Amino acid sequence: MLAGGCGGGDEPADGDAGLPMAGGGGALAYAVPELPDGIDPLSASGAAEQLIGRQIHEPLVGPLRGPYGADAVKPGLALKVRPSADRTVWTLVLRDGVRFQDGTRFNASAVLANARRWRSLREGRRALPDLFAVDAPRPNEVRFLLDSPDPDLARRLRSPRLGIVSPQAFEPRSGDGARVINRPGSGTGPFEAGPRSARELDLARNAGWWGSEIGLGPALESIAFVRAPRESERLALLRSGEVQVAEPLGPASLRAAESDPLLRALVAGAGGTGIEASVRGLTGSVQSLSSVWLTRVGGGA
């Protein structure tokens, strides 16, 4: 799917009768071990930090589904991803009309600044080891030039660590060796950073998100990430209803969640995620939470 292009042009959503508009699905509370010191996708180390960053900074490649069980898959910031025959040149056609939350246009220039940062920092070189240059033949098109064939470049570009950051948040703004300064509105994602305390980081729905116009949600109005370092604490918060999602949980905690009729578990390897039964659209991986919605237990959407 990615090699042949992520799909054709998008059309505005026709609006399913009876379903809430974007932001009409309430608030989600999510327990995680730690909160990030800052929100720089490239330096995000653990799953929780990557999950939080993914809501604000979108990677170029990322097929998306809307909430309420939507089946249609839409491309992310890159509408099409085309490799050359030898897989050493990858051309990305960018989505038009997207802006960062700070008002900066998302275009080829913004991607070039991010690519310069990736190439000049160790974390970026690890994520894209064969990348030696990125150019922009057109304002809505970029090419990734590789030292050797890489059939997996599209998959690599889905990494939340390669989330696109507004060049206005780079110091220097060229992106070369840049650090991300603490500046609001540096992402294009469905949520933007809100108030923060030692225990909680709040994200609010980005009312100007490009995905809302094509039926991608987000259903949630806000997400509160709650710091709970101990697994027992995360499970207790889930059982009490103070949070609707808790991760990571070990096997014993997941069994405890499964034994509760109001909870369920998503298992991944030796651990997994505990989820209140009202939560829908969560896969248990680092995903865009624009696809998540809440239901009434035993009821409808």
Protein backbone atom coordinates (compact mmCIF):
# COMPACT_ATOMS: atom_id res chain seq x y z
CA MET A 1 0.00 0.00 0.00
CA LEU A 2 2.75 2.43 0.94
CA ALA A 3 4.99 1.69 -2.00
CA GLY A 4 2.18 2.11 -4.50
CA GLY A 5 0.83 5.26 -2.89
CA CYS A 6 -1.28 5.78 0.19
CA GLY A 7 -4.47 6.44 -1.71
CA GLY A 8 -6.17 8.94 -3.92
CA GLY A 9 -7.42 12.39 -3.11
CA ASP A 10 -9.53 12.82 0.00
CA GLU A 11 -13.00 14.24 0.02
CA PRO A 12 -14.81 15.91 2.91
CA ALA A 13 -16.58 13.56 5.28
CA ASP A 14 -20.29 13.26 4.66
CA GLY A 15 -21.03 13.03 8.40
CA ASP A 16 -22.68 9.87 9.73
CA ALA A 17 -26.07 10.61 11.23
CA GLY A 18 -26.19 10.38 15.01
CA LEU A 19 -22.41 10.41 15.56
CA PRO A 20 -20.82 13.26 17.53
CA MET A 21 -18.77 15.85 15.72
CA ALA A 22 -15.03 16.08 16.35
CA GLY A 23 -14.46 16.61 20.06
CA GLY A 24 -17.93 15.41 21.00
CA GLY A 25 -16.72 12.21 22.65
CA GLY A 26 -15.52 13.57 25.98
CA ALA A 27 -12.22 13.18 27.81
CA LEU A 28 -9.83 10.25 28.24
CA ALA A 29 -7.48 9.71 31.20
CA TYR A 30 -4.41 7.57 30.53
CA ALA A 31 -2.00 6.30 33.23
CA VAL A 32 1.69 6.04 32.23
CA PRO A 33 4.90 5.50 34.25
CA GLU A 34 6.46 8.89 33.53
CA LEU A 35 5.74 12.17 31.78
CA PRO A 36 8.26 13.60 29.29
CA ASP A 37 10.40 16.56 30.34
CA GLY A 38 9.70 18.16 26.96
CA ILE A 39 8.00 17.12 23.76
CA ASP A 40 10.72 16.45 21.21
CA PRO A 41 9.73 13.41 19.13
CA LEU A 42 13.30 12.61 18.09
CA SER A 43 14.47 12.20 21.68
CA ALA A 44 11.39 10.27 22.87
CA SER A 45 12.71 7.05 24.39
CA GLY A 46 9.95 4.96 25.98
CA ALA A 47 6.57 3.95 24.61
CA ALA A 48 4.69 6.42 26.82
CA GLU A 49 6.83 9.35 25.70
CA GLN A 50 6.42 8.33 22.06
CA LEU A 51 2.66 7.95 22.49
CA ILE A 52 2.33 11.45 23.93
CA GLY A 53 4.51 12.96 21.23
CA ARG A 54 2.60 11.11 18.48
CA GLN A 55 -0.57 13.05 19.32
CA ILE A 56 1.18 16.37 18.67
CA HIS A 57 3.87 15.64 16.06
CA GLU A 58 2.73 13.45 13.19
CA PRO A 59 5.16 11.36 11.13
CA LEU A 60 5.09 11.84 7.38
CA VAL A 61 3.72 8.36 6.75
CA GLY A 62 0.86 7.06 8.85
CA PRO A 63 -2.34 5.54 7.52
CA LEU A 64 -5.20 6.76 9.71
CA ARG A 65 -8.71 5.59 10.55
CA GLY A 66 -11.41 7.71 12.05
CA PRO A 67 -13.31 6.92 15.26
CA TYR A 68 -16.62 5.03 15.60
CA GLY A 69 -15.33 1.96 13.77
CA ALA A 70 -14.58 3.71 10.49
CA ASP A 71 -13.20 1.25 7.94
CA ALA A 72 -11.77 3.70 5.40
CA VAL A 73 -8.02 4.26 5.70
CA LYS A 74 -6.71 7.74 4.88
CA PRO A 75 -3.08 8.71 4.24
CA GLY A 76 -1.30 11.00 6.65
CA LEU A 77 0.89 14.01 5.85
CA ALA A 78 2.28 12.23 2.78
CA LEU A 79 -0.50 11.49 0.31
CA LYS A 80 1.71 9.22 -1.79
CA VAL A 81 4.99 7.39 -1.24
CA ARG A 82 6.75 6.15 -4.39
CA PRO A 83 10.10 4.33 -4.52
CA SER A 84 12.40 4.17 -7.52
CA ALA A 85 12.94 0.76 -9.08
CA ASP A 86 16.14 0.21 -7.07
CA ARG A 87 14.64 1.59 -3.82
CA THR A 88 17.34 4.25 -3.44
CA VAL A 89 15.10 7.26 -4.18
CA TRP A 90 11.76 7.66 -2.45
CA THR A 91 9.37 10.42 -3.55
CA LEU A 92 6.71 11.72 -1.17
CA VAL A 93 3.79 13.85 -2.34
CA LEU A 94 2.71 16.04 0.57
CA ARG A 95 -0.79 16.93 1.67
CA ASP A 96 -1.82 20.50 0.76
CA GLY A 97 -3.43 22.97 3.13
CA VAL A 98 -1.92 21.66 6.36
CA ARG A 99 -0.63 24.07 8.98
CA PHE A 100 1.24 23.54 12.19
CA GLN A 101 -0.65 24.54 15.31
CA ASP A 102 1.47 27.73 15.43
CA GLY A 103 0.16 28.73 11.99
CA THR A 104 3.29 27.81 10.02
CA ARG A 105 2.62 26.10 6.70
CA PHE A 106 3.47 22.43 6.37
CA ASN A 107 5.26 22.06 3.04
CA ALA A 108 8.46 20.77 1.49
CA SER A 109 10.53 23.47 3.21
CA ALA A 110 9.33 22.29 6.61
CA VAL A 111 10.19 18.68 5.73
CA LEU A 112 13.66 19.72 4.55
CA ALA A 113 14.34 21.46 7.88
CA ASN A 114 13.30 18.33 9.76
CA ALA A 115 15.42 16.13 7.46
CA ARG A 116 18.47 18.33 8.07
CA ARG A 117 17.94 17.82 11.78
CA TRP A 118 17.61 14.04 11.37
CA ARG A 119 20.82 13.85 9.33
CA SER A 120 22.80 16.02 11.75
CA LEU A 121 21.80 14.31 15.01
CA ARG A 122 22.70 10.81 16.19
CA GLU A 123 19.11 9.80 16.93
CA GLY A 124 18.03 10.75 13.42
CA ARG A 125 20.89 8.89 11.78
CA ARG A 126 19.94 5.79 13.75
CA ALA A 127 16.35 6.04 12.55
CA LEU A 128 17.37 6.61 8.89
CA PRO A 129 20.85 5.08 8.54
CA ASP A 130 21.05 5.15 4.72
CA LEU A 131 19.79 8.69 4.20
CA PHE A 132 22.36 11.03 2.64
CA ALA A 133 20.15 13.81 1.25
CA VAL A 134 16.60 15.11 0.91
CA ASP A 135 15.56 17.55 -1.80
CA ALA A 136 12.36 19.20 -2.97
CA PRO A 137 11.66 19.15 -6.72
CA ARG A 138 8.30 20.88 -6.06
CA PRO A 139 6.70 22.76 -3.13
CA ASN A 140 4.52 19.74 -2.32
CA GLU A 141 7.07 17.02 -3.08
CA VAL A 142 10.23 15.76 -1.38
CA ARG A 143 12.71 13.06 -2.32
CA PHE A 144 14.67 10.92 0.13
CA LEU A 145 18.01 9.89 -1.40
CA LEU A 146 19.68 6.81 0.05
CA ASP A 147 23.20 5.39 -0.03
CA SER A 148 21.85 1.88 -0.54
CA PRO A 149 18.46 0.30 -1.34
CA ASP A 150 15.97 0.30 1.50
CA PRO A 151 12.65 -1.44 0.84
CA ASP A 152 11.50 -0.45 4.35
CA LEU A 153 11.87 3.33 4.18
CA ALA A 154 8.10 3.92 4.22
CA ARG A 155 7.85 1.86 7.40
CA ARG A 156 10.76 3.76 8.96
CA LEU A 157 9.03 7.07 8.23
CA ARG A 158 6.04 5.92 10.29
CA SER A 159 8.13 6.07 13.47
CA PRO A 160 6.75 8.52 16.06
CA ARG A 161 10.36 9.59 16.66
CA LEU A 162 10.29 11.10 13.16
CA GLY A 163 7.29 13.28 13.94
CA ILE A 164 7.38 16.54 11.97
CA VAL A 165 8.14 19.66 14.03
CA SER A 166 7.47 23.27 13.03
CA PRO A 167 10.74 24.93 11.98
CA GLN A 168 9.69 27.84 14.20
CA ALA A 169 10.46 25.57 17.17
CA PHE A 170 14.00 24.79 15.94
CA GLU A 171 17.07 26.56 17.20
CA PRO A 172 18.56 27.22 14.67
CA ARG A 173 15.53 27.28 12.38
CA SER A 174 17.48 25.68 9.53
CA GLY A 175 17.20 22.41 11.47
CA ASP A 176 20.93 21.66 11.20
CA GLY A 177 21.87 20.27 14.64
CA ALA A 178 18.80 22.01 16.05
CA ARG A 179 17.23 21.55 19.43
CA VAL A 180 13.48 21.91 19.93
CA ILE A 181 12.65 24.91 22.07
CA ASN A 182 9.66 24.89 24.41
CA ARG A 183 7.24 26.56 22.03
CA PRO A 184 3.48 25.88 21.86
CA GLY A 185 1.93 24.73 18.61
CA SER A 186 4.94 22.95 17.13
CA GLY A 187 3.01 19.98 15.69
CA THR A 188 0.38 19.26 13.04
CA GLY A 189 -1.37 16.55 15.08
CA PRO A 190 -4.93 16.08 16.35
CA PHE A 191 -4.02 17.27 19.86
CA GLU A 192 -1.95 20.10 21.28
CA ALA A 193 -0.15 20.44 24.60
CA GLY A 194 -2.09 22.06 27.45
CA PRO A 195 -1.56 22.54 31.18
CA ARG A 196 1.02 20.43 32.97
CA SER A 197 1.73 19.56 36.60
CA ALA A 198 4.09 17.11 38.27
CA ARG A 199 1.40 14.43 38.05
CA GLU A 200 -0.52 15.24 34.88
CA LEU A 201 -0.05 16.44 31.31
CA ASP A 202 -3.18 17.57 29.50
CA LEU A 203 -3.67 17.58 25.74
CA ALA A 204 -6.53 19.45 24.10
CA ARG A 205 -8.13 18.75 20.75
CA ASN A 206 -6.56 20.73 17.91
CA ALA A 207 -9.64 22.46 16.49
CA GLY A 208 -7.77 23.20 13.25
CA TRP A 209 -6.52 19.67 12.60
CA TRP A 210 -6.59 18.81 8.89
CA GLY A 211 -8.00 15.33 9.58
CA SER A 212 -11.26 16.58 11.06
CA GLU A 213 -12.45 17.79 7.65
CA ILE A 214 -12.19 14.28 6.19
CA GLY A 215 -13.83 12.36 9.01
CA LEU A 216 -10.78 11.35 11.04
CA GLY A 217 -11.99 12.84 14.34
CA PRO A 218 -10.66 13.16 16.91
CA ALA A 219 -13.68 12.04 18.90
CA LEU A 220 -12.01 13.01 22.17
CA GLU A 221 -12.03 16.61 23.35
CA SER A 222 -9.03 16.09 25.62
CA ILE A 223 -6.57 13.53 26.99
CA ALA A 224 -5.04 13.62 30.47
CA PHE A 225 -1.83 11.61 30.83
CA VAL A 226 -1.46 10.74 34.52
CA ARG A 227 1.92 9.88 36.02
CA ALA A 228 1.83 6.62 37.98
CA PRO A 229 5.34 5.14 38.33
CA ARG A 230 4.30 1.87 39.99
CA GLU A 231 2.37 -0.83 38.15
CA SER A 232 0.15 -1.39 41.18
CA GLU A 233 -0.74 2.29 41.16
CA ARG A 234 -1.67 2.21 37.47
CA LEU A 235 -3.89 -0.83 38.00
CA ALA A 236 -5.55 0.79 41.04
CA LEU A 237 -6.30 3.96 39.04
CA LEU A 238 -7.84 1.84 36.29
CA ARG A 239 -9.97 -0.19 38.68
CA SER A 240 -11.21 2.92 40.48
CA GLY A 241 -12.27 4.56 37.22
CA GLU A 242 -9.92 7.51 37.68
CA VAL A 243 -8.29 6.55 34.37
CA GLN A 244 -9.69 4.61 31.42
CA VAL A 245 -6.36 3.26 30.12
CA ALA A 246 -3.24 2.09 31.98
CA GLU A 247 0.07 0.86 30.57
CA PRO A 248 2.33 -0.96 30.77
CA LEU A 249 0.86 -3.74 32.90
CA GLY A 250 2.47 -7.11 33.59
CA PRO A 251 0.80 -10.51 33.23
CA ALA A 252 -0.69 -10.59 36.75
CA SER A 253 -2.22 -7.13 36.37
CA LEU A 254 -3.59 -8.01 32.94
CA ARG A 255 -5.24 -11.13 34.38
CA ALA A 256 -6.76 -8.98 37.11
CA ALA A 257 -8.11 -6.61 34.46
CA GLU A 258 -9.55 -9.48 32.43
CA SER A 259 -11.35 -10.82 35.51
CA ASP A 260 -13.18 -7.51 35.97
CA PRO A 261 -16.32 -7.31 33.81
CA LEU A 262 -15.81 -3.58 33.34
CA LEU A 263 -12.23 -3.91 32.10
CA ARG A 264 -10.35 -5.66 29.33
CA ALA A 265 -6.72 -6.20 28.37
CA LEU A 266 -4.61 -5.89 25.27
CA VAL A 267 -1.63 -8.22 25.51
CA ALA A 268 1.66 -7.39 23.75
CA GLY A 269 4.60 -9.67 24.46
CA ALA A 270 5.22 -10.05 28.19
CA GLY A 271 3.03 -7.07 29.06
CA GLY A 272 0.17 -5.05 27.73
CA THR A 273 -2.52 -2.42 28.34
CA GLY A 274 -5.48 -2.37 30.68
CA ILE A 275 -8.57 -0.68 29.25
CA GLU A 276 -11.97 0.27 30.58
CA ALA A 277 -14.70 -1.43 28.57
CA SER A 278 -16.04 1.95 27.42
CA VAL A 279 -12.89 2.65 25.36
CA ARG A 280 -12.98 1.76 21.67
CA GLY A 281 -10.47 2.10 18.84
CA LEU A 282 -7.35 1.48 20.93
CA THR A 283 -4.90 -1.04 19.47
CA GLY A 284 -2.41 -1.08 22.34
CA SER A 285 0.43 0.27 20.21
CA VAL A 286 1.86 3.78 19.84
CA GLN A 287 -0.96 5.16 17.73
CA SER A 288 -2.82 8.33 16.96
CA LEU A 289 -5.59 8.57 19.54
CA SER A 290 -7.73 10.42 17.00
CA SER A 291 -9.31 7.01 16.28
CA VAL A 292 -10.33 6.39 19.90
CA TRP A 293 -13.82 6.99 21.25
CA LEU A 294 -15.77 6.26 24.43
CA THR A 295 -19.03 4.36 24.71
CA ARG A 296 -21.49 3.80 27.51
CA VAL A 297 -21.07 0.32 28.92
CA GLY A 298 -23.87 -1.72 27.43
CA GLY A 299 -24.90 1.22 25.27
CA GLY A 300 -24.07 2.84 21.94
CA ALA A 301 -21.53 5.36 20.73
